[in-house]
Amino acid sequence: MKKQHLQLTSDDRLKLESQRKSGQLKVRIYKRIVGLLELDAGQTYESASKLAGLSARSLQNLAKRYRTDGLAC
């Protein structure tokens, strides 16, 4: 069984998905959004980081900040 590394709230997931589709984001923010959504979908840090274009360590740090600060990360 896969370990889910991150569980987004439904409100946060909707906000991130709508921002991702808007097309008005800086690349850095877009990559972070994709990384969080992929982790929420059950991807590992390694595979989500490849899809998002981030390092696995950066994505781990982002997930840690999300757990403590929410979308303010």
C-alpha atoms as a PDB file:
ATOM      1  CA  MET A   1       0.000   0.000   0.000  1.00  0.00           C
ATOM      2  CA  LYS A   2       1.310   3.444  -0.938  1.00  0.00           C
ATOM      3  CA  LYS A   3       1.794   6.039   1.752  1.00  0.00           C
ATOM      4  CA  GLN A   4       0.038   9.304   0.976  1.00  0.00           C
ATOM      5  CA  HIS A   5       2.564  12.032   1.691  1.00  0.00           C
ATOM      6  CA  LEU A   6       0.104  14.904   1.755  1.00  0.00           C
ATOM      7  CA  GLN A   7      -3.641  15.356   2.192  1.00  0.00           C
ATOM      8  CA  LEU A   8      -5.031  18.650   0.922  1.00  0.00           C
ATOM      9  CA  THR A   9      -8.316  19.963   2.229  1.00  0.00           C
ATOM     10  CA  SER A  10     -11.068  20.039  -0.380  1.00  0.00           C
ATOM     11  CA  ASP A  11     -11.087  23.859  -0.357  1.00  0.00           C
ATOM     12  CA  ASP A  12      -7.320  24.012  -0.837  1.00  0.00           C
ATOM     13  CA  ARG A  13      -7.476  21.456  -3.658  1.00  0.00           C
ATOM     14  CA  LEU A  14     -10.143  23.498  -5.474  1.00  0.00           C
ATOM     15  CA  LYS A  15      -8.139  26.718  -5.076  1.00  0.00           C
ATOM     16  CA  LEU A  16      -4.966  25.101  -6.379  1.00  0.00           C
ATOM     17  CA  GLU A  17      -6.707  23.480  -9.337  1.00  0.00           C
ATOM     18  CA  SER A  18      -8.381  26.741 -10.360  1.00  0.00           C
ATOM     19  CA  GLN A  19      -5.091  28.654 -10.055  1.00  0.00           C
ATOM     20  CA  ARG A  20      -3.294  26.013 -12.116  1.00  0.00           C
ATOM     21  CA  LYS A  21      -5.875  26.346 -14.896  1.00  0.00           C
ATOM     22  CA  SER A  22      -5.826  30.146 -14.875  1.00  0.00           C
ATOM     23  CA  GLY A  23      -2.583  30.418 -16.851  1.00  0.00           C
ATOM     24  CA  GLN A  24      -1.625  33.613 -15.018  1.00  0.00           C
ATOM     25  CA  LEU A  25       1.037  32.163 -12.703  1.00  0.00           C
ATOM     26  CA  LYS A  26       4.762  32.526 -12.423  1.00  0.00           C
ATOM     27  CA  VAL A  27       6.581  29.291 -13.244  1.00  0.00           C
ATOM     28  CA  ARG A  28       7.841  28.914  -9.684  1.00  0.00           C
ATOM     29  CA  ILE A  29       4.306  29.055  -8.258  1.00  0.00           C
ATOM     30  CA  TYR A  30       2.963  26.732 -10.968  1.00  0.00           C
ATOM     31  CA  LYS A  31       5.582  24.101 -10.136  1.00  0.00           C
ATOM     32  CA  ARG A  32       4.703  24.258  -6.454  1.00  0.00           C
ATOM     33  CA  ILE A  33       1.000  23.877  -7.188  1.00  0.00           C
ATOM     34  CA  VAL A  34       1.616  20.864  -9.436  1.00  0.00           C
ATOM     35  CA  GLY A  35       3.841  19.299  -6.780  1.00  0.00           C
ATOM     36  CA  LEU A  36       1.239  19.680  -4.033  1.00  0.00           C
ATOM     37  CA  LEU A  37      -1.555  18.349  -6.244  1.00  0.00           C
ATOM     38  CA  GLU A  38       0.512  15.340  -7.300  1.00  0.00           C
ATOM     39  CA  LEU A  39       1.359  14.504  -3.676  1.00  0.00           C
ATOM     40  CA  ASP A  40      -2.321  14.780  -2.827  1.00  0.00           C
ATOM     41  CA  ALA A  41      -3.078  12.374  -5.684  1.00  0.00           C
ATOM     42  CA  GLY A  42      -0.851   9.767  -4.026  1.00  0.00           C
ATOM     43  CA  GLN A  43       2.400  10.203  -5.945  1.00  0.00           C
ATOM     44  CA  THR A  44       5.708   9.662  -4.185  1.00  0.00           C
ATOM     45  CA  TYR A  45       8.046  12.596  -3.584  1.00  0.00           C
ATOM     46  CA  GLU A  46      10.317  11.314  -6.341  1.00  0.00           C
ATOM     47  CA  SER A  47       7.651  10.957  -9.030  1.00  0.00           C
ATOM     48  CA  ALA A  48       5.779  14.139  -8.045  1.00  0.00           C
ATOM     49  CA  SER A  49       9.022  16.115  -8.118  1.00  0.00           C
ATOM     50  CA  LYS A  50       9.761  14.917 -11.658  1.00  0.00           C
ATOM     51  CA  LEU A  51       6.273  15.868 -12.831  1.00  0.00           C
ATOM     52  CA  ALA A  52       6.506  19.280 -11.167  1.00  0.00           C
ATOM     53  CA  GLY A  53      10.073  20.053 -12.188  1.00  0.00           C
ATOM     54  CA  LEU A  54      11.304  20.372  -8.593  1.00  0.00           C
ATOM     55  CA  SER A  55      13.850  18.441  -6.594  1.00  0.00           C
ATOM     56  CA  ALA A  56      12.452  15.815  -4.240  1.00  0.00           C
ATOM     57  CA  ARG A  57      13.964  17.668  -1.281  1.00  0.00           C
ATOM     58  CA  SER A  58      12.324  20.956  -2.304  1.00  0.00           C
ATOM     59  CA  LEU A  59       8.988  19.190  -2.571  1.00  0.00           C
ATOM     60  CA  GLN A  60       9.433  17.617   0.868  1.00  0.00           C
ATOM     61  CA  ASN A  61      10.135  21.049   2.318  1.00  0.00           C
ATOM     62  CA  LEU A  62       7.090  22.487   0.554  1.00  0.00           C
ATOM     63  CA  ALA A  63       4.867  19.708   1.915  1.00  0.00           C
ATOM     64  CA  LYS A  64       6.218  20.330   5.412  1.00  0.00           C
ATOM     65  CA  ARG A  65       5.451  24.047   5.103  1.00  0.00           C
ATOM     66  CA  TYR A  66       1.948  23.264   3.823  1.00  0.00           C
ATOM     67  CA  ARG A  67       1.271  21.099   6.883  1.00  0.00           C
ATOM     68  CA  THR A  68       2.227  23.939   9.218  1.00  0.00           C
ATOM     69  CA  ASP A  69       1.115  27.041   7.287  1.00  0.00           C
ATOM     70  CA  GLY A  70      -1.498  25.833   4.808  1.00  0.00           C
ATOM     71  CA  LEU A  71      -1.606  27.592   1.435  1.00  0.00           C
ATOM     72  CA  ALA A  72       0.400  30.483   2.846  1.00  0.00           C
ATOM     73  CA  CYS A  73       3.466  28.331   2.171  1.00  0.00           C
END
